[in-house]
Amino acid sequence: MVAIMVYLGKKNTKHRLLKLLHLIFLDKLKAAEKKTILKQDYDLVLTPVMEEELTKMGSLALGIAERAKTEGEKNGEHRVMEAIRMLKENLPLDTIVKKTGMTLQRLTELRAML
């Protein structure tokens, strides 16, 4: 099995293929809007099967983005809880900053709430 990873980068690229892939996988447009752009800009006429796949890919990308956001929120909550634990143990602030990546200002605010 061979896997190829492509970093799509920013939407405004000169590369036509990367723009197409960005449209299909990353743009938050509805499938109907994507279909119109594919017809106008790329002269692609989608079959019903292709339309269904385009809808699935958009839903998949949205699902991945939502999951990443949720995971990010969980990680943020974990960092806060870890920082609070370390603050309660009276560890030096610079140590907590290094271990959690939180700012000194945020740690000071957390300490004030304890």
PDB file of N, CA and C in Angstrom:
ATOM      1  N   MET A   1       0.841  -1.176   0.000  1.00  0.00           N
ATOM      2  CA  MET A   1       0.000   0.000   0.000  1.00  0.00           C
ATOM      3  C   MET A   1       0.887   1.240   0.000  1.00  0.00           C
ATOM      4  N   VAL A   2       0.504   2.222  -0.760  1.00  0.00           N
ATOM      5  CA  VAL A   2       1.238   3.472  -0.842  1.00  0.00           C
ATOM      6  C   VAL A   2       0.336   4.597  -0.360  1.00  0.00           C
ATOM      7  N   ALA A   3       0.871   5.461   0.487  1.00  0.00           N
ATOM      8  CA  ALA A   3       0.112   6.618   0.974  1.00  0.00           C
ATOM      9  C   ALA A   3       0.836   7.884   0.561  1.00  0.00           C
ATOM     10  N   ILE A   4       0.065   8.846   0.132  1.00  0.00           N
ATOM     11  CA  ILE A   4       0.623  10.133  -0.264  1.00  0.00           C
ATOM     12  C   ILE A   4      -0.069  11.200   0.559  1.00  0.00           C
ATOM     13  N   MET A   5       0.714  12.054   1.188  1.00  0.00           N
ATOM     14  CA  MET A   5       0.154  13.168   1.962  1.00  0.00           C
ATOM     15  C   MET A   5       0.441  14.460   1.208  1.00  0.00           C
ATOM     16  N   VAL A   6      -0.560  15.309   1.145  1.00  0.00           N
ATOM     17  CA  VAL A   6      -0.422  16.596   0.476  1.00  0.00           C
ATOM     18  C   VAL A   6      -0.853  17.676   1.451  1.00  0.00           C
ATOM     19  N   TYR A   7       0.033  18.635   1.696  1.00  0.00           N
ATOM     20  CA  TYR A   7      -0.324  19.784   2.512  1.00  0.00           C
ATOM     21  C   TYR A   7      -0.965  20.808   1.580  1.00  0.00           C
ATOM     22  N   LEU A   8      -2.236  21.076   1.804  1.00  0.00           N
ATOM     23  CA  LEU A   8      -2.964  21.953   0.895  1.00  0.00           C
ATOM     24  C   LEU A   8      -2.634  23.414   1.107  1.00  0.00           C
ATOM     25  N   GLY A   9      -2.115  23.754   2.251  1.00  0.00           N
ATOM     26  CA  GLY A   9      -1.696  25.132   2.486  1.00  0.00           C
ATOM     27  C   GLY A   9      -2.845  26.109   2.440  1.00  0.00           C
ATOM     28  N   LYS A  10      -2.531  27.292   1.994  1.00  0.00           N
ATOM     29  CA  LYS A  10      -3.531  28.352   1.945  1.00  0.00           C
ATOM     30  C   LYS A  10      -4.377  28.235   0.689  1.00  0.00           C
ATOM     31  N   LYS A  11      -5.571  28.790   0.794  1.00  0.00           N
ATOM     32  CA  LYS A  11      -6.514  28.722  -0.333  1.00  0.00           C
ATOM     33  C   LYS A  11      -5.981  29.471  -1.556  1.00  0.00           C
ATOM     34  N   ASN A  12      -5.331  30.574  -1.339  1.00  0.00           N
ATOM     35  CA  ASN A  12      -4.856  31.412  -2.442  1.00  0.00           C
ATOM     36  C   ASN A  12      -3.491  30.948  -2.925  1.00  0.00           C
ATOM     37  N   THR A  13      -3.483  29.906  -3.719  1.00  0.00           N
ATOM     38  CA  THR A  13      -2.253  29.389  -4.294  1.00  0.00           C
ATOM     39  C   THR A  13      -2.334  29.508  -5.807  1.00  0.00           C
ATOM     40  N   LYS A  14      -1.203  29.484  -6.446  1.00  0.00           N
ATOM     41  CA  LYS A  14      -1.166  29.568  -7.904  1.00  0.00           C
ATOM     42  C   LYS A  14      -1.411  28.206  -8.546  1.00  0.00           C
ATOM     43  N   HIS A  15      -1.268  27.151  -7.760  1.00  0.00           N
ATOM     44  CA  HIS A  15      -1.388  25.792  -8.293  1.00  0.00           C
ATOM     45  C   HIS A  15      -2.848  25.380  -8.406  1.00  0.00           C
ATOM     46  N   ARG A  16      -3.254  25.143  -9.618  1.00  0.00           N
ATOM     47  CA  ARG A  16      -4.652  24.829  -9.921  1.00  0.00           C
ATOM     48  C   ARG A  16      -5.125  23.554  -9.210  1.00  0.00           C
ATOM     49  N   LEU A  17      -4.291  22.522  -9.182  1.00  0.00           N
ATOM     50  CA  LEU A  17      -4.681  21.271  -8.541  1.00  0.00           C
ATOM     51  C   LEU A  17      -4.866  21.463  -7.037  1.00  0.00           C
ATOM     52  N   LEU A  18      -3.974  22.212  -6.399  1.00  0.00           N
ATOM     53  CA  LEU A  18      -4.109  22.460  -4.961  1.00  0.00           C
ATOM     54  C   LEU A  18      -5.369  23.268  -4.663  1.00  0.00           C
ATOM     55  N   LYS A  19      -5.704  24.210  -5.544  1.00  0.00           N
ATOM     56  CA  LYS A  19      -6.952  24.965  -5.374  1.00  0.00           C
ATOM     57  C   LYS A  19      -8.164  24.027  -5.449  1.00  0.00           C
ATOM     58  N   LEU A  20      -8.112  23.102  -6.395  1.00  0.00           N
ATOM     59  CA  LEU A  20      -9.204  22.145  -6.565  1.00  0.00           C
ATOM     60  C   LEU A  20      -9.345  21.269  -5.319  1.00  0.00           C
ATOM     61  N   LEU A  21      -8.244  20.744  -4.835  1.00  0.00           N
ATOM     62  CA  LEU A  21      -8.278  19.898  -3.648  1.00  0.00           C
ATOM     63  C   LEU A  21      -8.740  20.681  -2.419  1.00  0.00           C
ATOM     64  N   HIS A  22      -8.298  21.910  -2.328  1.00  0.00           N
ATOM     65  CA  HIS A  22      -8.725  22.771  -1.213  1.00  0.00           C
ATOM     66  C   HIS A  22     -10.240  22.968  -1.270  1.00  0.00           C
ATOM     67  N   LEU A  23     -10.763  23.222  -2.445  1.00  0.00           N
ATOM     68  CA  LEU A  23     -12.199  23.399  -2.621  1.00  0.00           C
ATOM     69  C   LEU A  23     -12.955  22.146  -2.185  1.00  0.00           C
ATOM     70  N   ILE A  24     -12.493  21.003  -2.619  1.00  0.00           N
ATOM     71  CA  ILE A  24     -13.195  19.753  -2.327  1.00  0.00           C
ATOM     72  C   ILE A  24     -13.117  19.388  -0.849  1.00  0.00           C
ATOM     73  N   PHE A  25     -11.941  19.511  -0.260  1.00  0.00           N
ATOM     74  CA  PHE A  25     -11.748  18.994   1.095  1.00  0.00           C
ATOM     75  C   PHE A  25     -11.863  20.030   2.211  1.00  0.00           C
ATOM     76  N   LEU A  26     -11.518  21.281   1.957  1.00  0.00           N
ATOM     77  CA  LEU A  26     -11.413  22.222   3.061  1.00  0.00           C
ATOM     78  C   LEU A  26     -12.435  23.347   3.067  1.00  0.00           C
ATOM     79  N   ASP A  27     -12.884  23.769   1.918  1.00  0.00           N
ATOM     80  CA  ASP A  27     -13.844  24.875   1.895  1.00  0.00           C
ATOM     81  C   ASP A  27     -15.126  24.482   2.614  1.00  0.00           C
ATOM     82  N   LYS A  28     -15.675  25.420   3.354  1.00  0.00           N
ATOM     83  CA  LYS A  28     -16.891  25.160   4.132  1.00  0.00           C
ATOM     84  C   LYS A  28     -18.153  25.480   3.332  1.00  0.00           C
ATOM     85  N   LEU A  29     -18.035  25.429   2.026  1.00  0.00           N
ATOM     86  CA  LEU A  29     -19.183  25.684   1.167  1.00  0.00           C
ATOM     87  C   LEU A  29     -20.076  24.454   1.120  1.00  0.00           C
ATOM     88  N   LYS A  30     -21.323  24.682   0.794  1.00  0.00           N
ATOM     89  CA  LYS A  30     -22.248  23.561   0.616  1.00  0.00           C
ATOM     90  C   LYS A  30     -21.907  22.839  -0.683  1.00  0.00           C
ATOM     91  N   ALA A  31     -22.328  21.592  -0.776  1.00  0.00           N
ATOM     92  CA  ALA A  31     -22.023  20.774  -1.949  1.00  0.00           C
ATOM     93  C   ALA A  31     -22.523  21.428  -3.235  1.00  0.00           C
ATOM     94  N   ALA A  32     -23.682  22.054  -3.197  1.00  0.00           N
ATOM     95  CA  ALA A  32     -24.228  22.698  -4.393  1.00  0.00           C
ATOM     96  C   ALA A  32     -23.329  23.845  -4.855  1.00  0.00           C
ATOM     97  N   GLU A  33     -22.791  24.605  -3.890  1.00  0.00           N
ATOM     98  CA  GLU A  33     -21.895  25.705  -4.239  1.00  0.00           C
ATOM     99  C   GLU A  33     -20.589  25.170  -4.830  1.00  0.00           C
ATOM    100  N   LYS A  34     -20.085  24.094  -4.229  1.00  0.00           N
ATOM    101  CA  LYS A  34     -18.864  23.483  -4.756  1.00  0.00           C
ATOM    102  C   LYS A  34     -19.095  22.968  -6.172  1.00  0.00           C
ATOM    103  N   LYS A  35     -20.248  22.379  -6.395  1.00  0.00           N
ATOM    104  CA  LYS A  35     -20.589  21.855  -7.720  1.00  0.00           C
ATOM    105  C   LYS A  35     -20.571  22.978  -8.758  1.00  0.00           C
ATOM    106  N   THR A  36     -21.141  24.122  -8.403  1.00  0.00           N
ATOM    107  CA  THR A  36     -21.159  25.266  -9.313  1.00  0.00           C
ATOM    108  C   THR A  36     -19.745  25.733  -9.627  1.00  0.00           C
ATOM    109  N   ILE A  37     -18.903  25.825  -8.609  1.00  0.00           N
ATOM    110  CA  ILE A  37     -17.515  26.269  -8.811  1.00  0.00           C
ATOM    111  C   ILE A  37     -16.751  25.261  -9.657  1.00  0.00           C
ATOM    112  N   LEU A  38     -16.976  23.977  -9.407  1.00  0.00           N
ATOM    113  CA  LEU A  38     -16.306  22.950 -10.208  1.00  0.00           C
ATOM    114  C   LEU A  38     -16.686  23.062 -11.680  1.00  0.00           C
ATOM    115  N   LYS A  39     -17.941  23.376 -11.947  1.00  0.00           N
ATOM    116  CA  LYS A  39     -18.400  23.543 -13.331  1.00  0.00           C
ATOM    117  C   LYS A  39     -17.803  24.799 -13.953  1.00  0.00           C
ATOM    118  N   GLN A  40     -17.887  25.928 -13.226  1.00  0.00           N
ATOM    119  CA  GLN A  40     -17.431  27.211 -13.772  1.00  0.00           C
ATOM    120  C   GLN A  40     -15.910  27.283 -13.919  1.00  0.00           C
ATOM    121  N   ASP A  41     -15.195  26.919 -12.861  1.00  0.00           N
ATOM    122  CA  ASP A  41     -13.744  27.119 -12.845  1.00  0.00           C
ATOM    123  C   ASP A  41     -12.944  25.966 -13.425  1.00  0.00           C
ATOM    124  N   TYR A  42     -13.504  24.745 -13.349  1.00  0.00           N
ATOM    125  CA  TYR A  42     -12.739  23.572 -13.777  1.00  0.00           C
ATOM    126  C   TYR A  42     -13.411  22.809 -14.917  1.00  0.00           C
ATOM    127  N   ASP A  43     -14.568  23.291 -15.348  1.00  0.00           N
ATOM    128  CA  ASP A  43     -15.315  22.669 -16.427  1.00  0.00           C
ATOM    129  C   ASP A  43     -15.596  21.185 -16.144  1.00  0.00           C
ATOM    130  N   LEU A  44     -15.902  20.899 -14.872  1.00  0.00           N
ATOM    131  CA  LEU A  44     -16.232  19.541 -14.458  1.00  0.00           C
ATOM    132  C   LEU A  44     -17.736  19.414 -14.264  1.00  0.00           C
ATOM    133  N   VAL A  45     -18.299  18.432 -14.900  1.00  0.00           N
ATOM    134  CA  VAL A  45     -19.708  18.133 -14.709  1.00  0.00           C
ATOM    135  C   VAL A  45     -19.768  16.866 -13.872  1.00  0.00           C
ATOM    136  N   LEU A  46     -20.401  16.968 -12.713  1.00  0.00           N
ATOM    137  CA  LEU A  46     -20.434  15.840 -11.794  1.00  0.00           C
ATOM    138  C   LEU A  46     -21.589  14.896 -12.103  1.00  0.00           C
ATOM    139  N   THR A  47     -21.283  13.623 -12.051  1.00  0.00           N
ATOM    140  CA  THR A  47     -22.327  12.607 -12.157  1.00  0.00           C
ATOM    141  C   THR A  47     -23.012  12.515 -10.791  1.00  0.00           C
ATOM    142  N   PRO A  48     -24.160  11.870 -10.722  1.00  0.00           N
ATOM    143  CA  PRO A  48     -24.813  11.705  -9.408  1.00  0.00           C
ATOM    144  C   PRO A  48     -23.910  11.018  -8.371  1.00  0.00           C
ATOM    145  N   VAL A  49     -23.139  10.032  -8.817  1.00  0.00           N
ATOM    146  CA  VAL A  49     -22.225   9.341  -7.901  1.00  0.00           C
ATOM    147  C   VAL A  49     -21.152  10.305  -7.410  1.00  0.00           C
ATOM    148  N   MET A  50     -20.616  11.123  -8.307  1.00  0.00           N
ATOM    149  CA  MET A  50     -19.592  12.104  -7.923  1.00  0.00           C
ATOM    150  C   MET A  50     -20.176  13.141  -6.961  1.00  0.00           C
ATOM    151  N   GLU A  51     -21.412  13.553  -7.200  1.00  0.00           N
ATOM    152  CA  GLU A  51     -22.062  14.510  -6.293  1.00  0.00           C
ATOM    153  C   GLU A  51     -22.194  13.926  -4.891  1.00  0.00           C
ATOM    154  N   GLU A  52     -22.578  12.662  -4.834  1.00  0.00           N
ATOM    155  CA  GLU A  52     -22.723  11.994  -3.536  1.00  0.00           C
ATOM    156  C   GLU A  52     -21.373  11.933  -2.813  1.00  0.00           C
ATOM    157  N   GLU A  53     -20.323  11.613  -3.546  1.00  0.00           N
ATOM    158  CA  GLU A  53     -18.986  11.548  -2.952  1.00  0.00           C
ATOM    159  C   GLU A  53     -18.519  12.932  -2.481  1.00  0.00           C
ATOM    160  N   LEU A  54     -18.841  13.959  -3.252  1.00  0.00           N
ATOM    161  CA  LEU A  54     -18.487  15.325  -2.866  1.00  0.00           C
ATOM    162  C   LEU A  54     -19.168  15.706  -1.555  1.00  0.00           C
ATOM    163  N   THR A  55     -20.410  15.334  -1.417  1.00  0.00           N
ATOM    164  CA  THR A  55     -21.148  15.594  -0.176  1.00  0.00           C
ATOM    165  C   THR A  55     -20.519  14.839   0.987  1.00  0.00           C
ATOM    166  N   LYS A  56     -20.153  13.570   0.760  1.00  0.00           N
ATOM    167  CA  LYS A  56     -19.522  12.764   1.806  1.00  0.00           C
ATOM    168  C   LYS A  56     -18.191  13.374   2.243  1.00  0.00           C
ATOM    169  N   MET A  57     -17.395  13.817   1.268  1.00  0.00           N
ATOM    170  CA  MET A  57     -16.086  14.385   1.596  1.00  0.00           C
ATOM    171  C   MET A  57     -16.235  15.661   2.403  1.00  0.00           C
ATOM    172  N   GLY A  58     -17.208  16.466   2.056  1.00  0.00           N
ATOM    173  CA  GLY A  58     -17.458  17.687   2.814  1.00  0.00           C
ATOM    174  C   GLY A  58     -17.879  17.379   4.234  1.00  0.00           C
ATOM    175  N   SER A  59     -18.733  16.376   4.389  1.00  0.00           N
ATOM    176  CA  SER A  59     -19.179  15.966   5.721  1.00  0.00           C
ATOM    177  C   SER A  59     -18.020  15.379   6.518  1.00  0.00           C
ATOM    178  N   LEU A  60     -17.178  14.620   5.853  1.00  0.00           N
ATOM    179  CA  LEU A  60     -16.019  14.027   6.512  1.00  0.00           C
ATOM    180  C   LEU A  60     -15.074  15.124   7.002  1.00  0.00           C
ATOM    181  N   ALA A  61     -14.801  16.093   6.136  1.00  0.00           N
ATOM    182  CA  ALA A  61     -13.902  17.185   6.518  1.00  0.00           C
ATOM    183  C   ALA A  61     -14.481  17.963   7.690  1.00  0.00           C
ATOM    184  N   LEU A  62     -15.774  18.218   7.673  1.00  0.00           N
ATOM    185  CA  LEU A  62     -16.427  18.928   8.767  1.00  0.00           C
ATOM    186  C   LEU A  62     -16.336  18.121  10.053  1.00  0.00           C
ATOM    187  N   GLY A  63     -16.542  16.808   9.953  1.00  0.00           N
ATOM    188  CA  GLY A  63     -16.449  15.938  11.116  1.00  0.00           C
ATOM    189  C   GLY A  63     -15.052  15.918  11.709  1.00  0.00           C
ATOM    190  N   ILE A  64     -14.051  15.880  10.847  1.00  0.00           N
ATOM    191  CA  ILE A  64     -12.663  15.899  11.317  1.00  0.00           C
ATOM    192  C   ILE A  64     -12.362  17.221  12.008  1.00  0.00           C
ATOM    193  N   ALA A  65     -12.817  18.318  11.434  1.00  0.00           N
ATOM    194  CA  ALA A  65     -12.589  19.635  12.047  1.00  0.00           C
ATOM    195  C   ALA A  65     -13.261  19.730  13.411  1.00  0.00           C
ATOM    196  N   GLU A  66     -14.488  19.217  13.515  1.00  0.00           N
ATOM    197  CA  GLU A  66     -15.199  19.243  14.800  1.00  0.00           C
ATOM    198  C   GLU A  66     -14.480  18.395  15.839  1.00  0.00           C
ATOM    199  N   ARG A  67     -14.006  17.225  15.411  1.00  0.00           N
ATOM    200  CA  ARG A  67     -13.303  16.341  16.342  1.00  0.00           C
ATOM    201  C   ARG A  67     -12.006  16.995  16.807  1.00  0.00           C
ATOM    202  N   ALA A  68     -11.294  17.646  15.895  1.00  0.00           N
ATOM    203  CA  ALA A  68     -10.051  18.335  16.272  1.00  0.00           C
ATOM    204  C   ALA A  68     -10.337  19.452  17.261  1.00  0.00           C
ATOM    205  N   LYS A  69     -11.424  20.177  17.050  1.00  0.00           N
ATOM    206  CA  LYS A  69     -11.796  21.256  17.968  1.00  0.00           C
ATOM    207  C   LYS A  69     -12.107  20.692  19.349  1.00  0.00           C
ATOM    208  N   THR A  70     -12.867  19.613  19.390  1.00  0.00           N
ATOM    209  CA  THR A  70     -13.222  18.976  20.660  1.00  0.00           C
ATOM    210  C   THR A  70     -11.971  18.473  21.369  1.00  0.00           C
ATOM    211  N   GLU A  71     -11.078  17.837  20.626  1.00  0.00           N
ATOM    212  CA  GLU A  71      -9.833  17.346  21.225  1.00  0.00           C
ATOM    213  C   GLU A  71      -8.996  18.504  21.751  1.00  0.00           C
ATOM    214  N   GLY A  72      -8.960  19.599  21.006  1.00  0.00           N
ATOM    215  CA  GLY A  72      -8.228  20.783  21.451  1.00  0.00           C
ATOM    216  C   GLY A  72      -8.794  21.336  22.745  1.00  0.00           C
ATOM    217  N   GLU A  73     -10.121  21.346  22.846  1.00  0.00           N
ATOM    218  CA  GLU A  73     -10.760  21.818  24.070  1.00  0.00           C
ATOM    219  C   GLU A  73     -10.440  20.896  25.230  1.00  0.00           C
ATOM    220  N   LYS A  74     -10.446  19.589  24.983  1.00  0.00           N
ATOM    221  CA  LYS A  74     -10.112  18.629  26.039  1.00  0.00           C
ATOM    222  C   LYS A  74      -8.672  18.826  26.492  1.00  0.00           C
ATOM    223  N   ASN A  75      -7.767  19.019  25.529  1.00  0.00           N
ATOM    224  CA  ASN A  75      -6.367  19.238  25.872  1.00  0.00           C
ATOM    225  C   ASN A  75      -6.196  20.520  26.665  1.00  0.00           C
ATOM    226  N   GLY A  76      -6.949  21.556  26.307  1.00  0.00           N
ATOM    227  CA  GLY A  76      -6.888  22.821  27.040  1.00  0.00           C
ATOM    228  C   GLY A  76      -7.372  22.651  28.462  1.00  0.00           C
ATOM    229  N   GLU A  77      -8.457  21.898  28.639  1.00  0.00           N
ATOM    230  CA  GLU A  77      -8.967  21.632  29.986  1.00  0.00           C
ATOM    231  C   GLU A  77      -7.947  20.842  30.792  1.00  0.00           C
ATOM    232  N   HIS A  78      -7.309  19.895  30.146  1.00  0.00           N
ATOM    233  CA  HIS A  78      -6.300  19.089  30.825  1.00  0.00           C
ATOM    234  C   HIS A  78      -5.141  19.964  31.292  1.00  0.00           C
ATOM    235  N   ARG A  79      -4.699  20.886  30.441  1.00  0.00           N
ATOM    236  CA  ARG A  79      -3.597  21.784  30.814  1.00  0.00           C
ATOM    237  C   ARG A  79      -3.974  22.643  32.009  1.00  0.00           C
ATOM    238  N   VAL A  80      -5.200  23.145  32.024  1.00  0.00           N
ATOM    239  CA  VAL A  80      -5.649  23.985  33.132  1.00  0.00           C
ATOM    240  C   VAL A  80      -5.672  23.175  34.425  1.00  0.00           C
ATOM    241  N   MET A  81      -6.210  21.972  34.362  1.00  0.00           N
ATOM    242  CA  MET A  81      -6.275  21.125  35.559  1.00  0.00           C
ATOM    243  C   MET A  81      -4.873  20.782  36.052  1.00  0.00           C
ATOM    244  N   GLU A  82      -3.974  20.509  35.133  1.00  0.00           N
ATOM    245  CA  GLU A  82      -2.581  20.220  35.492  1.00  0.00           C
ATOM    246  C   GLU A  82      -1.931  21.438  36.132  1.00  0.00           C
ATOM    247  N   ALA A  83      -2.188  22.601  35.580  1.00  0.00           N
ATOM    248  CA  ALA A  83      -1.630  23.837  36.143  1.00  0.00           C
ATOM    249  C   ALA A  83      -2.163  24.083  37.551  1.00  0.00           C
ATOM    250  N   ILE A  84      -3.447  23.876  37.740  1.00  0.00           N
ATOM    251  CA  ILE A  84      -4.046  24.061  39.071  1.00  0.00           C
ATOM    252  C   ILE A  84      -3.417  23.096  40.078  1.00  0.00           C
ATOM    253  N   ARG A  85      -3.235  21.861  39.658  1.00  0.00           N
ATOM    254  CA  ARG A  85      -2.596  20.876  40.542  1.00  0.00           C
ATOM    255  C   ARG A  85      -1.203  21.339  40.953  1.00  0.00           C
ATOM    256  N   MET A  86      -0.423  21.829  39.975  1.00  0.00           N
ATOM    257  CA  MET A  86       0.937  22.286  40.261  1.00  0.00           C
ATOM    258  C   MET A  86       0.938  23.550  41.118  1.00  0.00           C
ATOM    259  N   LEU A  87      -0.035  24.435  40.882  1.00  0.00           N
ATOM    260  CA  LEU A  87      -0.145  25.641  41.716  1.00  0.00           C
ATOM    261  C   LEU A  87      -0.433  25.269  43.166  1.00  0.00           C
ATOM    262  N   LYS A  88      -1.303  24.298  43.352  1.00  0.00           N
ATOM    263  CA  LYS A  88      -1.629  23.847  44.709  1.00  0.00           C
ATOM    264  C   LYS A  88      -0.418  23.222  45.396  1.00  0.00           C
ATOM    265  N   GLU A  89       0.475  22.637  44.605  1.00  0.00           N
ATOM    266  CA  GLU A  89       1.702  22.047  45.155  1.00  0.00           C
ATOM    267  C   GLU A  89       2.789  23.103  45.364  1.00  0.00           C
ATOM    268  N   ASN A  90       2.450  24.363  45.039  1.00  0.00           N
ATOM    269  CA  ASN A  90       3.389  25.489  45.185  1.00  0.00           C
ATOM    270  C   ASN A  90       4.669  25.327  44.367  1.00  0.00           C
ATOM    271  N   LEU A  91       4.534  24.730  43.194  1.00  0.00           N
ATOM    272  CA  LEU A  91       5.690  24.647  42.298  1.00  0.00           C
ATOM    273  C   LEU A  91       5.990  26.037  41.749  1.00  0.00           C
ATOM    274  N   PRO A  92       7.244  26.313  41.409  1.00  0.00           N
ATOM    275  CA  PRO A  92       7.586  27.628  40.838  1.00  0.00           C
ATOM    276  C   PRO A  92       6.825  27.882  39.538  1.00  0.00           C
ATOM    277  N   LEU A  93       6.413  29.139  39.355  1.00  0.00           N
ATOM    278  CA  LEU A  93       5.633  29.495  38.158  1.00  0.00           C
ATOM    279  C   LEU A  93       6.385  29.185  36.874  1.00  0.00           C
ATOM    280  N   ASP A  94       7.707  29.422  36.856  1.00  0.00           N
ATOM    281  CA  ASP A  94       8.453  29.158  35.618  1.00  0.00           C
ATOM    282  C   ASP A  94       8.433  27.665  35.264  1.00  0.00           C
ATOM    283  N   THR A  95       8.398  26.804  36.271  1.00  0.00           N
ATOM    284  CA  THR A  95       8.294  25.359  36.028  1.00  0.00           C
ATOM    285  C   THR A  95       6.932  25.028  35.424  1.00  0.00           C
ATOM    286  N   ILE A  96       5.884  25.638  35.968  1.00  0.00           N
ATOM    287  CA  ILE A  96       4.528  25.372  35.471  1.00  0.00           C
ATOM    288  C   ILE A  96       4.376  25.892  34.045  1.00  0.00           C
ATOM    289  N   VAL A  97       4.954  27.051  33.772  1.00  0.00           N
ATOM    290  CA  VAL A  97       4.922  27.602  32.403  1.00  0.00           C
ATOM    291  C   VAL A  97       5.566  26.612  31.440  1.00  0.00           C
ATOM    292  N   LYS A  98       6.725  26.082  31.796  1.00  0.00           N
ATOM    293  CA  LYS A  98       7.433  25.135  30.924  1.00  0.00           C
ATOM    294  C   LYS A  98       6.640  23.851  30.710  1.00  0.00           C
ATOM    295  N   LYS A  99       6.011  23.354  31.773  1.00  0.00           N
ATOM    296  CA  LYS A  99       5.310  22.072  31.676  1.00  0.00           C
ATOM    297  C   LYS A  99       3.947  22.179  30.983  1.00  0.00           C
ATOM    298  N   THR A 100       3.293  23.335  31.121  1.00  0.00           N
ATOM    299  CA  THR A 100       1.943  23.461  30.559  1.00  0.00           C
ATOM    300  C   THR A 100       1.889  24.302  29.295  1.00  0.00           C
ATOM    301  N   GLY A 101       2.879  25.162  29.095  1.00  0.00           N
ATOM    302  CA  GLY A 101       2.841  26.066  27.949  1.00  0.00           C
ATOM    303  C   GLY A 101       1.919  27.257  28.153  1.00  0.00           C
ATOM    304  N   MET A 102       1.379  27.382  29.362  1.00  0.00           N
ATOM    305  CA  MET A 102       0.484  28.507  29.661  1.00  0.00           C
ATOM    306  C   MET A 102       1.318  29.748  29.963  1.00  0.00           C
ATOM    307  N   THR A 103       0.693  30.905  29.797  1.00  0.00           N
ATOM    308  CA  THR A 103       1.408  32.153  30.066  1.00  0.00           C
ATOM    309  C   THR A 103       1.458  32.423  31.562  1.00  0.00           C
ATOM    310  N   LEU A 104       2.426  33.221  31.945  1.00  0.00           N
ATOM    311  CA  LEU A 104       2.565  33.620  33.340  1.00  0.00           C
ATOM    312  C   LEU A 104       1.326  34.375  33.810  1.00  0.00           C
ATOM    313  N   GLN A 105       0.785  35.212  32.941  1.00  0.00           N
ATOM    314  CA  GLN A 105      -0.422  35.969  33.281  1.00  0.00           C
ATOM    315  C   GLN A 105      -1.592  35.020  33.572  1.00  0.00           C
ATOM    316  N   ARG A 106      -1.772  34.013  32.727  1.00  0.00           N
ATOM    317  CA  ARG A 106      -2.881  33.057  32.928  1.00  0.00           C
ATOM    318  C   ARG A 106      -2.694  32.286  34.229  1.00  0.00           C
ATOM    319  N   LEU A 107      -1.441  31.893  34.520  1.00  0.00           N
ATOM    320  CA  LEU A 107      -1.184  31.179  35.763  1.00  0.00           C
ATOM    321  C   LEU A 107      -1.459  32.062  36.979  1.00  0.00           C
ATOM    322  N   THR A 108      -1.122  33.325  36.875  1.00  0.00           N
ATOM    323  CA  THR A 108      -1.393  34.273  37.965  1.00  0.00           C
ATOM    324  C   THR A 108      -2.888  34.392  38.177  1.00  0.00           C
ATOM    325  N   GLU A 109      -3.648  34.442  37.100  1.00  0.00           N
ATOM    326  CA  GLU A 109      -5.117  34.512  37.212  1.00  0.00           C
ATOM    327  C   GLU A 109      -5.667  33.251  37.870  1.00  0.00           C
ATOM    328  N   LEU A 110      -5.139  32.087  37.467  1.00  0.00           N
ATOM    329  CA  LEU A 110      -5.585  30.830  38.064  1.00  0.00           C
ATOM    330  C   LEU A 110      -5.268  30.787  39.559  1.00  0.00           C
ATOM    331  N   ARG A 111      -4.072  31.232  39.893  1.00  0.00           N
ATOM    332  CA  ARG A 111      -3.660  31.241  41.311  1.00  0.00           C
ATOM    333  C   ARG A 111      -4.594  32.119  42.135  1.00  0.00           C
ATOM    334  N   ALA A 112      -5.002  33.259  41.576  1.00  0.00           N
ATOM    335  CA  ALA A 112      -5.884  34.169  42.289  1.00  0.00           C
ATOM    336  C   ALA A 112      -7.254  33.543  42.536  1.00  0.00           C
ATOM    337  N   MET A 113      -7.658  32.623  41.692  1.00  0.00           N
ATOM    338  CA  MET A 113      -8.961  31.984  41.849  1.00  0.00           C
ATOM    339  C   MET A 113      -8.932  30.870  42.874  1.00  0.00           C
ATOM    340  N   LEU A 114      -7.762  30.398  43.248  1.00  0.00           N
ATOM    341  CA  LEU A 114      -7.662  29.282  44.205  1.00  0.00           C
ATOM    342  C   LEU A 114      -7.907  29.742  45.637  1.00  0.00           C
TER     343      LEU A 114
END
